[in-house]
Amino acid sequence: MSLDLAAMARQGIDFKRLAEDFKGLDPNDPGLWPSAPRVVVAVALLLATIAAFWWFDWQGQIETLEARQAEEVQLRESWLSKKRQAVNLDEHRRQLAEIDRQFGALLKQLPNRAEMDSLLSDINQAGLGRGLQFELFKPGADVIKEFYAEMPIDVRLSGVYHDLGEFVADLAGMPRVVTLNDIAVEADKDGRLKLQAKAVTYRYLDEEELAQQRKAAQAAQAAKQGKK
């Protein structure tokens, strides 16, 4: 215990001496300061310098480094993705050619505007050929889409069950695309069936209609930009 008290006494003398070293310092002549104040001031200046470099320079450099590291990761992922695409380029080209072929085959199933009358006649003849009686066959206005148009046709016809089924099968087997929607079937007082539906057929747009589509899209885009 006596040794501990002696050590504490010595430490107290040292702190007291250190406090005395800071008294009466001449700021204009630091070369004459005792060693303890000079060490403390030097350490303080060093810490202040480091803090200043961190605040004004190093912090920005670290942020820039982190951003570049994140960019490097993105570039590596992009490079790997492009490398995989390059390795599979032949397969992609084959798939694209197959898609073009299938699209062309589907497009051939769409009549042009001049062929629509013939298609409507084929639909009508399909019903008459099965012995069905048309009560309504009313083509509607075209619904213009991106590169094709839909023509709805309201139909109402009557006949026996077997003939109606064959008529629907005939429509499905046509070389042109014809669909039946909103189908309703009911029996009349004579035991015959009445079928009411909306047949929809499709045609592709000709060059004049496509040009009008592009012109309308450009006008809409210009009007939208004008409002901004």
C-alpha atoms as a PDB file:
ATOM      1  CA  MET A   1       0.000   0.000   0.000  1.00  0.00           C
ATOM      2  CA  SER A   2       2.918   2.368   0.874  1.00  0.00           C
ATOM      3  CA  LEU A   3       4.410   1.743  -2.578  1.00  0.00           C
ATOM      4  CA  ASP A   4       1.123   2.605  -4.279  1.00  0.00           C
ATOM      5  CA  LEU A   5       0.857   5.834  -2.334  1.00  0.00           C
ATOM      6  CA  ALA A   6       4.401   6.701  -3.276  1.00  0.00           C
ATOM      7  CA  ALA A   7       3.674   6.082  -6.974  1.00  0.00           C
ATOM      8  CA  MET A   8       0.563   8.224  -6.785  1.00  0.00           C
ATOM      9  CA  ALA A   9       2.567  10.949  -5.108  1.00  0.00           C
ATOM     10  CA  ARG A  10       5.150  10.846  -7.855  1.00  0.00           C
ATOM     11  CA  GLN A  11       2.375  11.015 -10.519  1.00  0.00           C
ATOM     12  CA  GLY A  12       0.899  14.017  -8.759  1.00  0.00           C
ATOM     13  CA  ILE A  13       4.245  15.762  -8.822  1.00  0.00           C
ATOM     14  CA  ASP A  14       4.582  15.003 -12.535  1.00  0.00           C
ATOM     15  CA  PHE A  15       1.114  16.421 -13.370  1.00  0.00           C
ATOM     16  CA  LYS A  16       1.867  19.466 -11.295  1.00  0.00           C
ATOM     17  CA  ARG A  17       5.169  19.953 -13.079  1.00  0.00           C
ATOM     18  CA  LEU A  18       3.422  19.484 -16.426  1.00  0.00           C
ATOM     19  CA  ALA A  19       0.880  22.150 -15.527  1.00  0.00           C
ATOM     20  CA  GLU A  20       3.679  24.471 -14.468  1.00  0.00           C
ATOM     21  CA  ASP A  21       5.428  23.915 -17.827  1.00  0.00           C
ATOM     22  CA  PHE A  22       2.404  25.435 -19.613  1.00  0.00           C
ATOM     23  CA  LYS A  23       2.479  28.584 -17.516  1.00  0.00           C
ATOM     24  CA  GLY A  24       4.112  31.685 -18.865  1.00  0.00           C
ATOM     25  CA  LEU A  25       4.794  30.329 -22.357  1.00  0.00           C
ATOM     26  CA  ASP A  26       5.872  32.916 -24.919  1.00  0.00           C
ATOM     27  CA  PRO A  27       3.892  32.234 -28.141  1.00  0.00           C
ATOM     28  CA  ASN A  28       6.414  34.262 -30.125  1.00  0.00           C
ATOM     29  CA  ASP A  29       9.345  32.049 -29.128  1.00  0.00           C
ATOM     30  CA  PRO A  30       8.209  28.380 -28.978  1.00  0.00           C
ATOM     31  CA  GLY A  31      11.816  27.277 -29.250  1.00  0.00           C
ATOM     32  CA  LEU A  32      12.300  28.146 -25.577  1.00  0.00           C
ATOM     33  CA  TRP A  33       9.279  26.159 -24.407  1.00  0.00           C
ATOM     34  CA  PRO A  34       9.795  23.098 -22.236  1.00  0.00           C
ATOM     35  CA  SER A  35       9.654  19.757 -24.001  1.00  0.00           C
ATOM     36  CA  ALA A  36       6.186  18.783 -22.704  1.00  0.00           C
ATOM     37  CA  PRO A  37       4.304  21.782 -24.221  1.00  0.00           C
ATOM     38  CA  ARG A  38       6.183  21.416 -27.480  1.00  0.00           C
ATOM     39  CA  VAL A  39       5.203  17.722 -27.715  1.00  0.00           C
ATOM     40  CA  VAL A  40       1.557  18.477 -26.905  1.00  0.00           C
ATOM     41  CA  VAL A  41       1.356  21.304 -29.443  1.00  0.00           C
ATOM     42  CA  ALA A  42       3.108  19.195 -32.085  1.00  0.00           C
ATOM     43  CA  VAL A  43       0.666  16.319 -31.544  1.00  0.00           C
ATOM     44  CA  ALA A  44      -2.291  18.753 -31.658  1.00  0.00           C
ATOM     45  CA  LEU A  45      -1.011  20.277 -34.910  1.00  0.00           C
ATOM     46  CA  LEU A  46      -0.506  16.796 -36.371  1.00  0.00           C
ATOM     47  CA  LEU A  47      -4.057  15.761 -35.455  1.00  0.00           C
ATOM     48  CA  ALA A  48      -5.464  19.028 -36.826  1.00  0.00           C
ATOM     49  CA  THR A  49      -3.534  18.539 -40.068  1.00  0.00           C
ATOM     50  CA  ILE A  50      -4.779  14.977 -40.430  1.00  0.00           C
ATOM     51  CA  ALA A  51      -8.350  16.117 -39.714  1.00  0.00           C
ATOM     52  CA  ALA A  52      -8.049  18.898 -42.286  1.00  0.00           C
ATOM     53  CA  PHE A  53      -6.720  16.512 -44.942  1.00  0.00           C
ATOM     54  CA  TRP A  54      -9.538  14.092 -44.127  1.00  0.00           C
ATOM     55  CA  TRP A  55     -12.235  16.749 -44.341  1.00  0.00           C
ATOM     56  CA  PHE A  56     -11.028  18.588 -47.442  1.00  0.00           C
ATOM     57  CA  ASP A  57      -9.306  15.834 -49.447  1.00  0.00           C
ATOM     58  CA  TRP A  58      -9.178  12.262 -48.213  1.00  0.00           C
ATOM     59  CA  GLN A  59     -12.926  11.922 -47.569  1.00  0.00           C
ATOM     60  CA  GLY A  60     -13.725  12.891 -51.159  1.00  0.00           C
ATOM     61  CA  GLN A  61     -11.057  10.541 -52.474  1.00  0.00           C
ATOM     62  CA  ILE A  62     -12.497   7.652 -50.446  1.00  0.00           C
ATOM     63  CA  GLU A  63     -15.993   8.385 -51.730  1.00  0.00           C
ATOM     64  CA  THR A  64     -14.656   8.543 -55.286  1.00  0.00           C
ATOM     65  CA  LEU A  65     -12.798   5.263 -54.736  1.00  0.00           C
ATOM     66  CA  GLU A  66     -15.974   3.565 -53.459  1.00  0.00           C
ATOM     67  CA  ALA A  67     -17.924   4.883 -56.459  1.00  0.00           C
ATOM     68  CA  ARG A  68     -15.252   3.596 -58.846  1.00  0.00           C
ATOM     69  CA  GLN A  69     -15.267   0.209 -57.118  1.00  0.00           C
ATOM     70  CA  ALA A  70     -19.072  -0.023 -57.513  1.00  0.00           C
ATOM     71  CA  GLU A  71     -18.712   1.043 -61.161  1.00  0.00           C
ATOM     72  CA  GLU A  72     -16.080  -1.645 -61.656  1.00  0.00           C
ATOM     73  CA  VAL A  73     -18.499  -4.292 -60.339  1.00  0.00           C
ATOM     74  CA  GLN A  74     -21.206  -3.075 -62.750  1.00  0.00           C
ATOM     75  CA  LEU A  75     -18.773  -3.066 -65.676  1.00  0.00           C
ATOM     76  CA  ARG A  76     -17.658  -6.606 -64.840  1.00  0.00           C
ATOM     77  CA  GLU A  77     -21.277  -7.790 -64.761  1.00  0.00           C
ATOM     78  CA  SER A  78     -21.989  -6.013 -68.040  1.00  0.00           C
ATOM     79  CA  TRP A  79     -18.888  -7.551 -69.603  1.00  0.00           C
ATOM     80  CA  LEU A  80     -19.898 -11.043 -68.446  1.00  0.00           C
ATOM     81  CA  SER A  81     -23.410 -10.533 -69.831  1.00  0.00           C
ATOM     82  CA  LYS A  82     -22.077  -9.377 -73.197  1.00  0.00           C
ATOM     83  CA  LYS A  83     -19.601 -12.241 -73.219  1.00  0.00           C
ATOM     84  CA  ARG A  84     -22.421 -14.735 -72.701  1.00  0.00           C
ATOM     85  CA  GLN A  85     -24.383 -13.080 -75.509  1.00  0.00           C
ATOM     86  CA  ALA A  86     -21.361 -13.226 -77.789  1.00  0.00           C
ATOM     87  CA  VAL A  87     -20.827 -16.909 -77.005  1.00  0.00           C
ATOM     88  CA  ASN A  88     -24.502 -17.626 -77.801  1.00  0.00           C
ATOM     89  CA  LEU A  89     -24.669 -15.225 -80.771  1.00  0.00           C
ATOM     90  CA  ASP A  90     -25.270 -17.974 -83.340  1.00  0.00           C
ATOM     91  CA  GLU A  91     -28.085 -19.434 -81.235  1.00  0.00           C
ATOM     92  CA  HIS A  92     -29.655 -15.993 -80.819  1.00  0.00           C
ATOM     93  CA  ARG A  93     -29.514 -15.437 -84.561  1.00  0.00           C
ATOM     94  CA  ARG A  94     -31.129 -18.813 -85.175  1.00  0.00           C
ATOM     95  CA  GLN A  95     -33.908 -18.020 -82.703  1.00  0.00           C
ATOM     96  CA  LEU A  96     -34.441 -14.593 -84.270  1.00  0.00           C
ATOM     97  CA  ALA A  97     -34.692 -16.151 -87.728  1.00  0.00           C
ATOM     98  CA  GLU A  98     -37.223 -18.672 -86.388  1.00  0.00           C
ATOM     99  CA  ILE A  99     -39.265 -15.892 -84.783  1.00  0.00           C
ATOM    100  CA  ASP A 100     -39.253 -13.949 -88.063  1.00  0.00           C
ATOM    101  CA  ARG A 101     -40.374 -17.070 -89.921  1.00  0.00           C
ATOM    102  CA  GLN A 102     -43.212 -17.738 -87.486  1.00  0.00           C
ATOM    103  CA  PHE A 103     -44.269 -14.100 -87.537  1.00  0.00           C
ATOM    104  CA  GLY A 104     -44.302 -14.130 -91.327  1.00  0.00           C
ATOM    105  CA  ALA A 105     -46.423 -17.288 -91.312  1.00  0.00           C
ATOM    106  CA  LEU A 106     -48.900 -15.692 -88.922  1.00  0.00           C
ATOM    107  CA  LEU A 107     -48.948 -12.489 -90.927  1.00  0.00           C
ATOM    108  CA  LYS A 108     -49.866 -14.428 -94.051  1.00  0.00           C
ATOM    109  CA  GLN A 109     -53.011 -15.551 -92.266  1.00  0.00           C
ATOM    110  CA  LEU A 110     -54.176 -11.936 -92.112  1.00  0.00           C
ATOM    111  CA  PRO A 111     -55.894 -10.648 -95.230  1.00  0.00           C
ATOM    112  CA  ASN A 112     -55.361  -7.169 -96.557  1.00  0.00           C
ATOM    113  CA  ARG A 113     -58.142  -4.632 -96.934  1.00  0.00           C
ATOM    114  CA  ALA A 114     -58.976  -5.750-100.474  1.00  0.00           C
ATOM    115  CA  GLU A 115     -59.415  -9.368 -99.363  1.00  0.00           C
ATOM    116  CA  MET A 116     -61.863  -8.661 -96.538  1.00  0.00           C
ATOM    117  CA  ASP A 117     -64.971  -8.907 -98.724  1.00  0.00           C
ATOM    118  CA  SER A 118     -63.884 -12.355 -99.861  1.00  0.00           C
ATOM    119  CA  LEU A 119     -63.308 -13.435 -96.254  1.00  0.00           C
ATOM    120  CA  LEU A 120     -66.722 -12.183 -95.158  1.00  0.00           C
ATOM    121  CA  SER A 121     -68.272 -14.138 -98.023  1.00  0.00           C
ATOM    122  CA  ASP A 122     -66.374 -17.273 -96.922  1.00  0.00           C
ATOM    123  CA  ILE A 123     -67.738 -16.949 -93.391  1.00  0.00           C
ATOM    124  CA  ASN A 124     -71.262 -16.534 -94.704  1.00  0.00           C
ATOM    125  CA  GLN A 125     -70.911 -19.488 -97.055  1.00  0.00           C
ATOM    126  CA  ALA A 126     -69.555 -21.639 -94.217  1.00  0.00           C
ATOM    127  CA  GLY A 127     -72.833 -21.170 -92.385  1.00  0.00           C
ATOM    128  CA  LEU A 128     -75.056 -21.633 -95.411  1.00  0.00           C
ATOM    129  CA  GLY A 129     -73.107 -24.720 -96.417  1.00  0.00           C
ATOM    130  CA  ARG A 130     -74.015 -26.339 -93.090  1.00  0.00           C
ATOM    131  CA  GLY A 131     -77.712 -25.599 -93.601  1.00  0.00           C
ATOM    132  CA  LEU A 132     -77.784 -22.820 -91.012  1.00  0.00           C
ATOM    133  CA  GLN A 133     -80.091 -19.845 -91.274  1.00  0.00           C
ATOM    134  CA  PHE A 134     -78.559 -16.418 -90.706  1.00  0.00           C
ATOM    135  CA  GLU A 135     -80.770 -14.003 -88.856  1.00  0.00           C
ATOM    136  CA  LEU A 136     -78.009 -11.420 -88.474  1.00  0.00           C
ATOM    137  CA  PHE A 137     -74.660 -10.901 -90.176  1.00  0.00           C
ATOM    138  CA  LYS A 138     -73.455  -7.373 -89.469  1.00  0.00           C
ATOM    139  CA  PRO A 139     -69.789  -6.359 -89.877  1.00  0.00           C
ATOM    140  CA  GLY A 140     -68.751  -3.505 -87.610  1.00  0.00           C
ATOM    141  CA  ALA A 141     -66.173  -0.737 -87.896  1.00  0.00           C
ATOM    142  CA  ASP A 142     -62.489  -1.642 -87.919  1.00  0.00           C
ATOM    143  CA  VAL A 143     -60.580  -1.350 -84.653  1.00  0.00           C
ATOM    144  CA  ILE A 144     -57.075  -0.174 -85.585  1.00  0.00           C
ATOM    145  CA  LYS A 145     -54.168  -1.664 -83.639  1.00  0.00           C
ATOM    146  CA  GLU A 146     -50.395  -1.238 -84.021  1.00  0.00           C
ATOM    147  CA  PHE A 147     -49.917  -3.089 -87.308  1.00  0.00           C
ATOM    148  CA  TYR A 148     -53.261  -4.797 -87.839  1.00  0.00           C
ATOM    149  CA  ALA A 149     -56.983  -4.090 -87.610  1.00  0.00           C
ATOM    150  CA  GLU A 150     -59.818  -6.046 -86.033  1.00  0.00           C
ATOM    151  CA  MET A 151     -63.212  -6.318 -87.725  1.00  0.00           C
ATOM    152  CA  PRO A 152     -66.027  -7.424 -85.396  1.00  0.00           C
ATOM    153  CA  ILE A 153     -69.027  -9.147 -86.965  1.00  0.00           C
ATOM    154  CA  ASP A 154     -72.281  -9.607 -85.084  1.00  0.00           C
ATOM    155  CA  VAL A 155     -73.821 -12.936 -86.105  1.00  0.00           C
ATOM    156  CA  ARG A 156     -77.009 -14.693 -85.123  1.00  0.00           C
ATOM    157  CA  LEU A 157     -77.964 -17.967 -86.777  1.00  0.00           C
ATOM    158  CA  SER A 158     -80.055 -21.027 -86.074  1.00  0.00           C
ATOM    159  CA  GLY A 159     -79.753 -24.717 -86.827  1.00  0.00           C
ATOM    160  CA  VAL A 160     -79.340 -28.113 -85.260  1.00  0.00           C
ATOM    161  CA  TYR A 161     -76.607 -28.826 -82.733  1.00  0.00           C
ATOM    162  CA  HIS A 162     -74.431 -30.878 -85.095  1.00  0.00           C
ATOM    163  CA  ASP A 163     -74.511 -28.232 -87.852  1.00  0.00           C
ATOM    164  CA  LEU A 164     -73.645 -25.439 -85.459  1.00  0.00           C
ATOM    165  CA  GLY A 165     -70.674 -27.435 -84.192  1.00  0.00           C
ATOM    166  CA  GLU A 166     -69.475 -28.085 -87.747  1.00  0.00           C
ATOM    167  CA  PHE A 167     -69.797 -24.385 -88.552  1.00  0.00           C
ATOM    168  CA  VAL A 168     -67.596 -23.447 -85.590  1.00  0.00           C
ATOM    169  CA  ALA A 169     -65.050 -26.076 -86.691  1.00  0.00           C
ATOM    170  CA  ASP A 170     -65.120 -24.669 -90.234  1.00  0.00           C
ATOM    171  CA  LEU A 171     -64.284 -21.199 -88.903  1.00  0.00           C
ATOM    172  CA  ALA A 172     -61.382 -22.594 -86.875  1.00  0.00           C
ATOM    173  CA  GLY A 173     -60.054 -24.403 -89.950  1.00  0.00           C
ATOM    174  CA  MET A 174     -60.070 -21.363 -92.227  1.00  0.00           C
ATOM    175  CA  PRO A 175     -56.702 -20.218 -93.575  1.00  0.00           C
ATOM    176  CA  ARG A 176     -57.549 -16.763 -92.229  1.00  0.00           C
ATOM    177  CA  VAL A 177     -57.813 -16.034 -88.527  1.00  0.00           C
ATOM    178  CA  VAL A 178     -61.418 -15.886 -87.301  1.00  0.00           C
ATOM    179  CA  THR A 179     -62.443 -16.083 -83.636  1.00  0.00           C
ATOM    180  CA  LEU A 180     -65.829 -16.315 -81.943  1.00  0.00           C
ATOM    181  CA  ASN A 181     -66.437 -14.303 -78.786  1.00  0.00           C
ATOM    182  CA  ASP A 182     -69.376 -13.629 -76.456  1.00  0.00           C
ATOM    183  CA  ILE A 183     -71.103 -16.847 -77.554  1.00  0.00           C
ATOM    184  CA  ALA A 184     -74.673 -17.440 -76.384  1.00  0.00           C
ATOM    185  CA  VAL A 185     -76.757 -20.515 -77.355  1.00  0.00           C
ATOM    186  CA  GLU A 186     -80.428 -21.039 -76.663  1.00  0.00           C
ATOM    187  CA  ALA A 187     -83.171 -23.332 -77.945  1.00  0.00           C
ATOM    188  CA  ASP A 188     -86.217 -21.991 -79.777  1.00  0.00           C
ATOM    189  CA  LYS A 189     -89.747 -23.376 -79.639  1.00  0.00           C
ATOM    190  CA  ASP A 190     -89.100 -25.647 -82.636  1.00  0.00           C
ATOM    191  CA  GLY A 191     -86.222 -27.400 -80.884  1.00  0.00           C
ATOM    192  CA  ARG A 192     -83.581 -25.731 -83.025  1.00  0.00           C
ATOM    193  CA  LEU A 193     -80.650 -23.929 -81.483  1.00  0.00           C
ATOM    194  CA  LYS A 194     -79.895 -20.259 -81.886  1.00  0.00           C
ATOM    195  CA  LEU A 195     -76.280 -19.139 -81.712  1.00  0.00           C
ATOM    196  CA  GLN A 196     -75.442 -15.508 -81.132  1.00  0.00           C
ATOM    197  CA  ALA A 197     -71.821 -14.409 -81.103  1.00  0.00           C
ATOM    198  CA  LYS A 198     -69.338 -11.763 -82.117  1.00  0.00           C
ATOM    199  CA  ALA A 199     -67.001 -13.111 -84.768  1.00  0.00           C
ATOM    200  CA  VAL A 200     -63.719 -11.233 -85.036  1.00  0.00           C
ATOM    201  CA  THR A 201     -61.418 -11.384 -88.022  1.00  0.00           C
ATOM    202  CA  TYR A 202     -58.155  -9.587 -88.547  1.00  0.00           C
ATOM    203  CA  ARG A 203     -56.302  -7.912 -91.379  1.00  0.00           C
ATOM    204  CA  TYR A 204     -52.938  -6.247 -91.619  1.00  0.00           C
ATOM    205  CA  LEU A 205     -52.644  -2.542 -92.334  1.00  0.00           C
ATOM    206  CA  ASP A 206     -51.480  -1.431 -95.751  1.00  0.00           C
ATOM    207  CA  GLU A 207     -48.674   1.083 -96.302  1.00  0.00           C
ATOM    208  CA  GLU A 208     -51.057   4.028 -96.426  1.00  0.00           C
ATOM    209  CA  GLU A 209     -52.615   3.097 -93.102  1.00  0.00           C
ATOM    210  CA  LEU A 210     -49.214   2.496 -91.514  1.00  0.00           C
ATOM    211  CA  ALA A 211     -48.074   5.922 -92.726  1.00  0.00           C
ATOM    212  CA  GLN A 212     -51.152   7.467 -91.126  1.00  0.00           C
ATOM    213  CA  GLN A 213     -50.357   5.596 -87.909  1.00  0.00           C
ATOM    214  CA  ARG A 214     -46.808   6.956 -87.838  1.00  0.00           C
ATOM    215  CA  LYS A 215     -48.012  10.478 -88.626  1.00  0.00           C
ATOM    216  CA  ALA A 216     -50.579  10.352 -85.836  1.00  0.00           C
ATOM    217  CA  ALA A 217     -47.981   9.019 -83.386  1.00  0.00           C
ATOM    218  CA  GLN A 218     -45.554  11.805 -84.301  1.00  0.00           C
ATOM    219  CA  ALA A 219     -48.285  14.432 -83.894  1.00  0.00           C
ATOM    220  CA  ALA A 220     -49.220  13.018 -80.487  1.00  0.00           C
ATOM    221  CA  GLN A 221     -45.575  13.021 -79.409  1.00  0.00           C
ATOM    222  CA  ALA A 222     -45.124  16.623 -80.569  1.00  0.00           C
ATOM    223  CA  ALA A 223     -48.258  17.706 -78.728  1.00  0.00           C
ATOM    224  CA  LYS A 224     -47.054  15.956 -75.577  1.00  0.00           C
ATOM    225  CA  GLN A 225     -43.671  17.680 -75.737  1.00  0.00           C
ATOM    226  CA  GLY A 226     -45.379  21.023 -76.370  1.00  0.00           C
ATOM    227  CA  LYS A 227     -47.274  20.739 -73.094  1.00  0.00           C
ATOM    228  CA  LYS A 228     -44.068  20.291 -71.082  1.00  0.00           C
END
